[in-house]
Amino acid sequence: MESRYINAVEEVQDYATAVRWVDKAVKMESERLQNSGGLKDPESYLKAEALRAAWKRVQRG
């Protein structure tokens, strides 16, 4: 496990790769939040949207 982490750290030397990884993680997590709550839980939808909005703010600086 540790060697995989070291390799991943070595691979992420450029900003574009890191942004792609975080973008994918944000999308997956927001979809998971949205799907876990379904239509009956508006709080899950709000959490997913808040996560997406926070990532957009980070990207814009």
Protein backbone atom coordinates (compact mmCIF):
# COMPACT_ATOMS: atom_id res chain seq x y z
CA MET A 1 0.00 0.00 0.00
CA GLU A 2 2.74 2.43 0.90
CA SER A 3 4.60 1.90 -2.36
CA ARG A 4 1.43 2.67 -4.34
CA TYR A 5 1.12 5.95 -2.45
CA ILE A 6 4.71 6.88 -3.19
CA ASN A 7 4.20 6.10 -6.89
CA ALA A 8 1.04 8.20 -6.97
CA VAL A 9 2.84 11.13 -5.36
CA GLU A 10 5.64 10.86 -7.90
CA GLU A 11 3.14 10.81 -10.76
CA VAL A 12 1.34 13.96 -9.67
CA GLN A 13 3.99 16.45 -10.56
CA ASP A 14 1.81 18.63 -12.73
CA TYR A 15 -1.23 20.65 -11.74
CA ALA A 16 -3.45 19.39 -14.58
CA THR A 17 -3.22 15.77 -13.42
CA ALA A 18 -4.08 16.71 -9.86
CA VAL A 19 -7.06 18.77 -11.02
CA ARG A 20 -8.38 15.87 -13.10
CA TRP A 21 -8.10 13.49 -10.15
CA VAL A 22 -9.87 15.84 -7.77
CA ASP A 23 -12.53 16.66 -10.36
CA LYS A 24 -13.30 12.96 -10.81
CA ALA A 25 -13.41 12.41 -7.04
CA VAL A 26 -15.77 15.37 -6.54
CA LYS A 27 -18.10 14.11 -9.27
CA MET A 28 -18.14 10.57 -7.86
CA GLU A 29 -18.77 11.74 -4.30
CA SER A 30 -21.50 14.20 -5.26
CA GLU A 31 -23.25 11.50 -7.30
CA ARG A 32 -22.96 9.10 -4.37
CA LEU A 33 -24.45 11.68 -2.02
CA GLN A 34 -27.27 12.44 -4.41
CA ASN A 35 -28.08 8.78 -5.02
CA SER A 36 -27.88 7.78 -1.37
CA GLY A 37 -30.62 10.20 -0.38
CA GLY A 38 -32.88 9.68 -3.34
CA LEU A 39 -35.80 12.00 -3.88
CA LYS A 40 -36.99 11.74 -0.28
CA ASP A 41 -33.94 13.45 1.23
CA PRO A 42 -33.37 16.99 -0.05
CA GLU A 43 -30.45 17.37 2.36
CA SER A 44 -28.38 14.88 0.34
CA TYR A 45 -29.06 16.88 -2.79
CA LEU A 46 -27.98 20.09 -1.04
CA LYS A 47 -24.77 18.46 0.21
CA ALA A 48 -23.95 17.27 -3.32
CA GLU A 49 -24.57 20.74 -4.75
CA ALA A 50 -22.51 22.36 -1.99
CA LEU A 51 -19.61 20.04 -2.80
CA ARG A 52 -19.81 20.88 -6.50
CA ALA A 53 -20.02 24.60 -5.78
CA ALA A 54 -17.03 24.47 -3.44
CA TRP A 55 -14.95 22.73 -6.10
CA LYS A 56 -15.94 25.35 -8.68
CA ARG A 57 -14.85 28.12 -6.29
CA VAL A 58 -11.49 26.39 -5.79
CA GLN A 59 -10.99 26.10 -9.55
CA ARG A 60 -11.74 29.77 -10.10
CA GLY A 61 -9.35 30.80 -7.36
